[in-house]
């Protein structure tokens, strides 16, 4: 039995055939291998696993078929999947553990999140983690992961329900009904790790969806240090490299949504129901940017005022959707200082009148009253 081709229960397509029969796979292999020939089984095995862990995020137009999915998720000796074997033997991670049980804990609590492999987890792997004992204890490896890391691995069960959707994102027609092709759920797109208001908008919406049990994924848009600070979000267990569900909610400005569309192409837009959860503060939306509305199926306005601004811009499907707000304790002394009684619900919102795209900041708006 070769390392690249493992028969388990039913016949699986060899890696070299998977690559050779997929024009995009073969093109990428030839461009980046410099070998000038069809891949051997070992070369194809390494290429497919590299593509899932690394190349998939760079080449988002590449679609994984069922044969490729079954290949990379198949068990491989003592490893629960070929992907686990590949990640465990990368030079940067090799020998960070002393037993296969510790390897399982490292892979399913850290590597899966780092490489955004949630869509490639299977129910078989979850079951193995729950049934495999950790050392001489009565606890399972799954229990140990939950205790030590707090990884929300159960959410992977939700994500695997949509993995067939993930494998078939490509649409033949622009007007394909996304609700007929996907499992119902929501993709939140924006600055999930960003220390800024737009990032908190996304995180607040994610908490609401999580509390309500709505299937979701998060497509994090990285920000440079010049624009905002970043931190490790507690939502990283939901991070994916491309949308999994039929509904996209863009938690960013209209301008940055357009920038994202130009940078990644139609991969996040075509065949989805797109919602612009776009903030705006002035009485008119720039006419020169009205074309951005055409990319959205509907717009969410965070206030009745903004709802009117967007409606006046000619967009038909505008809805007033108040932002999620968690109730927190307040200090009466601060309220008294500005003569606001405890019986009133008070929201502080500020912005700098000297507005410059990419540089808008507030000097005091983060100070809660």
Protein backbone atom coordinates (compact mmCIF):
# COMPACT_ATOMS: atom_id res chain seq x y z
CA UNK A 1 0.00 0.00 0.00
CA UNK A 2 1.51 3.33 -1.00
CA UNK A 3 1.41 6.34 1.26
CA UNK A 4 -0.45 8.36 -1.35
CA UNK A 5 -3.19 5.87 -2.17
CA UNK A 6 -5.11 4.25 0.65
CA UNK A 7 -8.03 1.89 0.10
CA UNK A 8 -10.56 2.10 2.91
CA UNK A 9 -13.88 0.36 2.35
CA UNK A 10 -14.44 1.56 -1.19
CA UNK A 11 -12.15 2.34 -4.07
CA UNK A 12 -10.86 5.89 -4.01
CA UNK A 13 -9.48 7.78 -6.97
CA UNK A 14 -5.65 7.94 -6.92
CA UNK A 15 -4.17 11.38 -6.34
CA UNK A 16 -2.42 11.47 -9.71
CA UNK A 17 -5.73 10.87 -11.51
CA UNK A 18 -7.48 13.58 -9.47
CA UNK A 19 -4.84 16.11 -10.51
CA UNK A 20 -4.65 14.96 -14.14
CA UNK A 21 -8.43 15.07 -14.62
CA UNK A 22 -8.86 18.58 -13.19
CA UNK A 23 -7.51 21.27 -15.57
CA UNK A 24 -7.08 23.82 -12.76
CA UNK A 25 -5.23 21.34 -10.56
CA UNK A 26 -2.97 20.30 -13.40
CA UNK A 27 -2.25 23.90 -14.43
CA UNK A 28 -1.27 24.86 -10.89
CA UNK A 29 0.90 21.78 -10.53
CA UNK A 30 2.76 22.50 -13.77
CA UNK A 31 3.19 26.21 -13.02
CA UNK A 32 4.58 25.77 -9.54
CA UNK A 33 6.43 22.45 -9.70
CA UNK A 34 8.71 23.26 -12.67
CA UNK A 35 8.72 19.53 -13.41
CA UNK A 36 7.15 19.65 -16.87
CA UNK A 37 5.43 16.27 -16.59
CA UNK A 38 2.28 14.71 -15.16
CA UNK A 39 2.61 14.13 -11.41
CA UNK A 40 3.55 10.85 -9.85
CA UNK A 41 1.32 9.52 -7.07
CA UNK A 42 3.59 10.91 -4.38
CA UNK A 43 3.89 14.29 -6.11
CA UNK A 44 0.12 14.51 -6.58
CA UNK A 45 -0.45 13.55 -2.93
CA UNK A 46 1.81 16.35 -1.70
CA UNK A 47 0.33 18.82 -4.16
CA UNK A 48 -3.31 18.19 -3.15
CA UNK A 49 -2.54 18.48 0.55
CA UNK A 50 -0.50 21.64 -0.02
CA UNK A 51 -3.37 23.07 -2.06
CA UNK A 52 -5.83 22.55 0.79
CA UNK A 53 -3.56 23.96 3.51
CA UNK A 54 -1.88 26.80 1.62
CA UNK A 55 -2.74 27.23 -2.05
CA UNK A 56 -6.51 27.22 -1.55
CA UNK A 57 -6.39 30.68 0.04
CA UNK A 58 -4.36 32.12 -2.84
CA UNK A 59 -6.26 30.49 -5.70
CA UNK A 60 -9.89 30.76 -4.68
CA UNK A 61 -11.16 30.02 -8.15
CA UNK A 62 -10.05 26.41 -7.68
CA UNK A 63 -13.00 24.17 -6.83
CA UNK A 64 -12.58 20.89 -4.95
CA UNK A 65 -14.63 18.02 -6.30
CA UNK A 66 -15.91 15.10 -4.28
CA UNK A 67 -12.98 12.87 -5.26
CA UNK A 68 -10.43 15.42 -4.05
CA UNK A 69 -12.35 15.95 -0.81
CA UNK A 70 -12.55 12.23 -0.09
CA UNK A 71 -8.86 11.83 -0.87
CA UNK A 72 -7.51 14.47 1.51
CA UNK A 73 -9.89 13.51 4.35
CA UNK A 74 -9.25 9.74 4.13
CA UNK A 75 -7.53 8.11 7.14
CA UNK A 76 -3.81 7.45 6.81
CA UNK A 77 -2.32 4.92 9.21
CA UNK A 78 -2.38 6.29 12.75
CA UNK A 79 -3.51 9.70 11.51
CA UNK A 80 -7.24 10.40 11.33
CA UNK A 81 -6.83 12.01 7.91
CA UNK A 82 -4.20 12.65 5.26
CA UNK A 83 -4.47 16.34 6.08
CA UNK A 84 -3.47 15.62 9.68
CA UNK A 85 -0.48 13.62 8.47
CA UNK A 86 0.59 16.42 6.13
CA UNK A 87 0.27 19.16 8.77
CA UNK A 88 1.98 17.08 11.44
CA UNK A 89 5.03 16.53 9.23
CA UNK A 90 5.55 20.12 8.13
CA UNK A 91 9.05 21.32 9.11
CA UNK A 92 7.60 24.07 11.30
CA UNK A 93 5.50 21.64 13.37
CA UNK A 94 7.46 18.39 13.26
CA UNK A 95 7.98 16.77 16.67
CA UNK A 96 6.05 19.29 18.72
CA UNK A 97 4.35 16.32 20.35
CA UNK A 98 5.53 13.03 21.83
CA UNK A 99 2.58 10.74 21.04
CA UNK A 100 -0.08 10.34 18.40
CA UNK A 101 -2.73 11.39 20.97
CA UNK A 102 -0.86 14.67 21.52
CA UNK A 103 -0.65 15.03 17.74
CA UNK A 104 -4.43 14.71 17.48
CA UNK A 105 -4.88 17.38 20.17
CA UNK A 106 -2.45 19.74 18.43
CA UNK A 107 -3.97 19.24 14.99
CA UNK A 108 -7.67 19.51 15.86
CA UNK A 109 -7.29 22.40 18.32
CA UNK A 110 -4.62 24.48 16.57
CA UNK A 111 -3.77 23.41 13.02
CA UNK A 112 -7.40 23.17 11.87
CA UNK A 113 -7.93 26.81 12.85
CA UNK A 114 -4.54 28.01 11.57
CA UNK A 115 -5.02 26.45 8.13
CA UNK A 116 -8.80 27.14 8.07
CA UNK A 117 -9.60 23.45 7.61
CA UNK A 118 -13.03 23.45 9.27
CA UNK A 119 -14.83 22.68 5.98
CA UNK A 120 -12.61 19.60 5.60
CA UNK A 121 -13.47 18.06 8.95
CA UNK A 122 -15.71 15.02 8.76
CA UNK A 123 -18.16 13.42 11.16
CA UNK A 124 -15.90 10.35 11.10
CA UNK A 125 -13.03 12.38 12.60
CA UNK A 126 -15.25 13.91 15.28
CA UNK A 127 -16.48 10.42 16.21
CA UNK A 128 -12.90 9.11 16.42
CA UNK A 129 -11.89 11.97 18.70
CA UNK A 130 -14.81 11.22 20.99
CA UNK A 131 -14.14 7.46 21.09
CA UNK A 132 -10.32 7.57 21.43
CA UNK A 133 -9.02 7.59 25.00
CA UNK A 134 -6.39 10.08 26.11
CA UNK A 135 -3.57 8.16 27.81
CA UNK A 136 -4.63 6.01 30.76
CA UNK A 137 -7.54 8.25 31.72
CA UNK A 138 -11.24 7.73 31.10
CA UNK A 139 -11.37 10.97 29.13
CA UNK A 140 -11.51 11.04 25.38
CA UNK A 141 -9.15 13.07 23.19
CA UNK A 142 -12.14 15.25 22.36
CA UNK A 143 -12.67 15.99 26.08
CA UNK A 144 -9.00 16.86 26.48
CA UNK A 145 -9.17 19.31 23.58
CA UNK A 146 -12.23 20.97 25.09
CA UNK A 147 -10.63 21.16 28.54
CA UNK A 148 -7.19 22.43 27.55
CA UNK A 149 -7.95 24.66 24.61
CA UNK A 150 -11.65 25.38 24.72
CA UNK A 151 -11.83 24.85 20.94
CA UNK A 152 -15.43 24.90 19.76
CA UNK A 153 -14.98 21.69 17.87
CA UNK A 154 -18.69 20.92 17.95
CA UNK A 155 -19.17 23.80 15.55
CA UNK A 156 -17.27 21.75 13.02
CA UNK A 157 -20.28 19.44 12.91
CA UNK A 158 -22.32 22.38 11.63
CA UNK A 159 -19.69 23.28 9.07
CA UNK A 160 -19.37 19.77 7.71
CA UNK A 161 -23.07 19.81 6.90
CA UNK A 162 -22.24 22.41 4.27
CA UNK A 163 -19.04 20.89 2.92
CA UNK A 164 -20.73 19.76 -0.28
CA UNK A 165 -21.76 23.38 -0.79
CA UNK A 166 -18.14 24.38 -0.27
CA UNK A 167 -17.05 21.95 -2.96
CA UNK A 168 -19.51 23.27 -5.53
CA UNK A 169 -19.42 27.04 -5.25
CA UNK A 170 -19.02 27.57 -8.97
CA UNK A 171 -22.27 28.61 -10.70
CA UNK A 172 -22.99 28.18 -14.39
CA UNK A 173 -25.38 31.13 -14.54
CA UNK A 174 -25.26 34.49 -12.80
CA UNK A 175 -28.92 34.33 -11.77
CA UNK A 176 -28.68 30.91 -10.11
CA UNK A 177 -30.84 30.86 -7.01
CA UNK A 178 -28.34 30.41 -4.12
CA UNK A 179 -31.05 29.10 -1.77
CA UNK A 180 -31.60 26.14 -4.09
CA UNK A 181 -27.91 25.15 -3.98
CA UNK A 182 -26.79 25.72 -0.37
CA UNK A 183 -27.64 24.71 3.16
CA UNK A 184 -29.19 27.71 4.88
CA UNK A 185 -26.73 29.82 6.84
CA UNK A 186 -24.93 33.17 6.84
CA UNK A 187 -21.41 34.23 5.91
CA UNK A 188 -20.14 37.27 7.78
CA UNK A 189 -17.46 39.11 5.82
CA UNK A 190 -15.31 41.83 7.35
CA UNK A 191 -12.64 42.72 9.88
CA UNK A 192 -13.27 40.01 12.46
CA UNK A 193 -9.86 40.54 14.09
CA UNK A 194 -9.83 44.31 13.71
CA UNK A 195 -9.78 46.62 16.73
CA UNK A 196 -12.24 49.09 15.25
CA UNK A 197 -15.97 49.71 15.14
CA UNK A 198 -16.55 47.74 11.95
CA UNK A 199 -14.81 44.75 13.51
CA UNK A 200 -16.99 44.97 16.58
CA UNK A 201 -20.09 45.20 14.35
CA UNK A 202 -19.18 41.84 12.82
CA UNK A 203 -18.29 40.22 16.14
CA UNK A 204 -21.54 41.40 17.73
CA UNK A 205 -23.55 39.97 14.85
CA UNK A 206 -21.59 36.71 15.08
CA UNK A 207 -22.42 36.39 18.79
CA UNK A 208 -26.12 36.86 18.06
CA UNK A 209 -26.10 34.23 15.30
CA UNK A 210 -24.16 31.83 17.53
CA UNK A 211 -26.56 32.32 20.45
CA UNK A 212 -29.53 31.73 18.13
CA UNK A 213 -27.97 28.57 16.65
CA UNK A 214 -27.87 29.96 13.11
CA UNK A 215 -25.20 28.20 10.99
CA UNK A 216 -22.53 30.71 10.03
CA UNK A 217 -19.00 31.17 8.81
CA UNK A 218 -16.67 34.17 9.00
CA UNK A 219 -14.48 35.39 6.16
CA UNK A 220 -11.92 37.57 7.91
CA UNK A 221 -10.49 40.47 5.92
CA UNK A 222 -7.01 41.19 7.22
CA UNK A 223 -6.04 44.78 7.93
CA UNK A 224 -2.55 46.23 7.81
CA UNK A 225 -1.13 47.76 10.98
CA UNK A 226 -1.37 51.17 9.29
CA UNK A 227 -5.16 51.00 9.32
CA UNK A 228 -5.99 49.29 12.61
CA UNK A 229 -4.64 47.04 15.33
CA UNK A 230 -5.62 43.39 15.32
CA UNK A 231 -6.11 40.75 17.98
CA UNK A 232 -6.91 37.05 18.09
CA UNK A 233 -10.67 36.82 18.04
CA UNK A 234 -12.56 34.18 20.03
CA UNK A 235 -14.49 33.54 16.81
CA UNK A 236 -11.55 32.08 14.88
CA UNK A 237 -13.12 28.63 15.04
CA UNK A 238 -15.62 29.93 12.48
CA UNK A 239 -13.03 31.40 10.08
CA UNK A 240 -13.05 30.06 6.52
CA UNK A 241 -11.32 31.19 3.34
CA UNK A 242 -14.48 31.49 1.23
CA UNK A 243 -18.25 31.65 1.86
CA UNK A 244 -20.01 28.40 2.81
CA UNK A 245 -23.65 29.50 2.93
CA UNK A 246 -26.06 31.25 0.53
CA UNK A 247 -26.21 34.62 2.32
CA UNK A 248 -23.28 37.05 2.52
CA UNK A 249 -23.40 39.95 4.98
CA UNK A 250 -20.62 42.46 4.31
CA UNK A 251 -19.87 44.20 7.62
CA UNK A 252 -17.72 46.92 6.11
CA UNK A 253 -18.16 50.17 4.23
CA UNK A 254 -19.46 50.30 0.67
CA UNK A 255 -16.06 51.53 -0.49
CA UNK A 256 -14.14 48.69 1.15
CA UNK A 257 -16.68 46.15 -0.12
CA UNK A 258 -15.92 47.34 -3.64
CA UNK A 259 -12.19 47.18 -2.94
CA UNK A 260 -12.61 43.59 -1.76
CA UNK A 261 -14.58 42.70 -4.89
CA UNK A 262 -11.82 44.02 -7.13
CA UNK A 263 -9.13 42.22 -5.14
CA UNK A 264 -10.69 38.76 -5.01
CA UNK A 265 -12.96 38.90 -8.06
CA UNK A 266 -16.48 37.49 -8.13
CA UNK A 267 -15.66 34.53 -5.92
CA UNK A 268 -17.38 36.10 -2.89
CA UNK A 269 -20.26 37.62 -4.85
CA UNK A 270 -21.40 35.53 -7.80
CA UNK A 271 -24.26 33.16 -6.97
CA UNK A 272 -24.79 34.46 -3.42
CA UNK A 273 -27.47 36.64 -1.87
CA UNK A 274 -25.39 39.68 -0.93
CA UNK A 275 -26.29 42.06 1.89
CA UNK A 276 -24.42 45.30 2.55
CA UNK A 277 -24.42 46.06 6.26
CA UNK A 278 -22.86 49.42 5.42
CA UNK A 279 -22.33 52.23 7.93
CA UNK A 280 -22.70 55.84 6.86
CA UNK A 281 -23.14 59.05 8.82
CA UNK A 282 -23.93 61.91 6.44
CA UNK A 283 -27.17 63.08 4.87
CA UNK A 284 -26.26 61.96 1.34
CA UNK A 285 -24.45 58.97 -0.09
CA UNK A 286 -22.00 60.07 -2.85
CA UNK A 287 -23.70 59.76 -6.22
CA UNK A 288 -20.47 58.69 -7.85
CA UNK A 289 -20.59 55.56 -5.64
CA UNK A 290 -24.18 54.58 -6.42
CA UNK A 291 -22.93 51.78 -8.66
CA UNK A 292 -21.83 49.93 -5.51
CA UNK A 293 -25.52 49.30 -4.73
CA UNK A 294 -25.80 47.19 -7.87
CA UNK A 295 -23.54 44.54 -6.33
CA UNK A 296 -25.91 44.05 -3.37
CA UNK A 297 -29.30 42.36 -3.24
CA UNK A 298 -30.27 44.44 -0.23
CA UNK A 299 -28.83 47.02 2.16
CA UNK A 300 -29.12 47.03 5.96
CA UNK A 301 -29.30 50.44 7.62
CA UNK A 302 -28.41 50.67 11.31
CA UNK A 303 -30.81 53.59 11.96
CA UNK A 304 -34.07 55.01 10.55
CA UNK A 305 -32.05 58.07 9.49
CA UNK A 306 -29.60 55.95 7.46
CA UNK A 307 -32.50 53.92 6.10
CA UNK A 308 -33.88 57.14 4.59
CA UNK A 309 -30.47 58.19 3.22
CA UNK A 310 -30.03 54.87 1.38
CA UNK A 311 -33.63 54.90 0.16
CA UNK A 312 -33.17 58.40 -1.23
CA UNK A 313 -30.16 57.11 -3.15
CA UNK A 314 -32.52 54.98 -5.25
CA UNK A 315 -31.82 51.58 -3.70
CA UNK A 316 -35.11 49.68 -3.49
CA UNK A 317 -34.29 46.90 -1.03
CA UNK A 318 -33.23 48.84 2.06
CA UNK A 319 -34.15 47.58 5.53
CA UNK A 320 -33.71 49.08 8.96
CA UNK A 321 -31.74 46.50 10.99
CA UNK A 322 -30.66 47.84 14.40
CA UNK A 323 -27.15 46.75 15.43
CA UNK A 324 -26.86 44.13 18.18
CA UNK A 325 -26.23 45.76 21.55
CA UNK A 326 -25.22 44.01 24.75
CA UNK A 327 -26.46 45.60 27.93
CA UNK A 328 -23.61 46.55 30.23
CA UNK A 329 -23.37 48.18 33.61
CA UNK A 330 -23.02 51.95 33.64
CA UNK A 331 -21.65 54.48 36.09
CA UNK A 332 -24.22 56.88 37.49
CA UNK A 333 -21.57 59.52 38.11
CA UNK A 334 -20.82 59.82 34.40
CA UNK A 335 -24.51 60.06 33.53
CA UNK A 336 -24.98 62.76 36.15
CA UNK A 337 -22.10 64.73 34.69
CA UNK A 338 -23.96 65.13 31.41
CA UNK A 339 -27.41 65.38 33.03
CA UNK A 340 -28.78 62.10 31.68
CA UNK A 341 -31.09 60.22 34.00
CA UNK A 342 -30.85 56.48 34.69
CA UNK A 343 -34.29 55.95 33.16
CA UNK A 344 -32.99 56.92 29.72
CA UNK A 345 -31.24 54.61 27.24
CA UNK A 346 -28.24 56.54 25.98
CA UNK A 347 -26.02 55.84 22.95
CA UNK A 348 -22.92 57.88 22.21
CA UNK A 349 -21.93 58.14 18.54
CA UNK A 350 -19.26 60.48 17.25
CA UNK A 351 -17.13 61.09 14.20
CA UNK A 352 -14.67 63.65 12.93
CA UNK A 353 -16.19 66.21 10.54
CA UNK A 354 -12.91 66.46 8.64
CA UNK A 355 -13.56 63.12 6.94
CA UNK A 356 -10.72 61.43 5.05
CA UNK A 357 -11.18 57.94 3.57
CA UNK A 358 -9.06 55.41 5.43
CA UNK A 359 -8.16 57.89 8.20
CA UNK A 360 -11.48 58.50 9.98
CA UNK A 361 -10.91 58.24 13.71
CA UNK A 362 -12.61 59.32 16.89
CA UNK A 363 -10.67 60.92 19.72
CA UNK A 364 -13.29 60.33 22.39
CA UNK A 365 -16.10 58.19 20.98
CA UNK A 366 -14.80 55.05 22.70
CA UNK A 367 -15.25 56.60 26.14
CA UNK A 368 -18.46 55.09 27.49
CA UNK A 369 -20.79 57.26 29.53
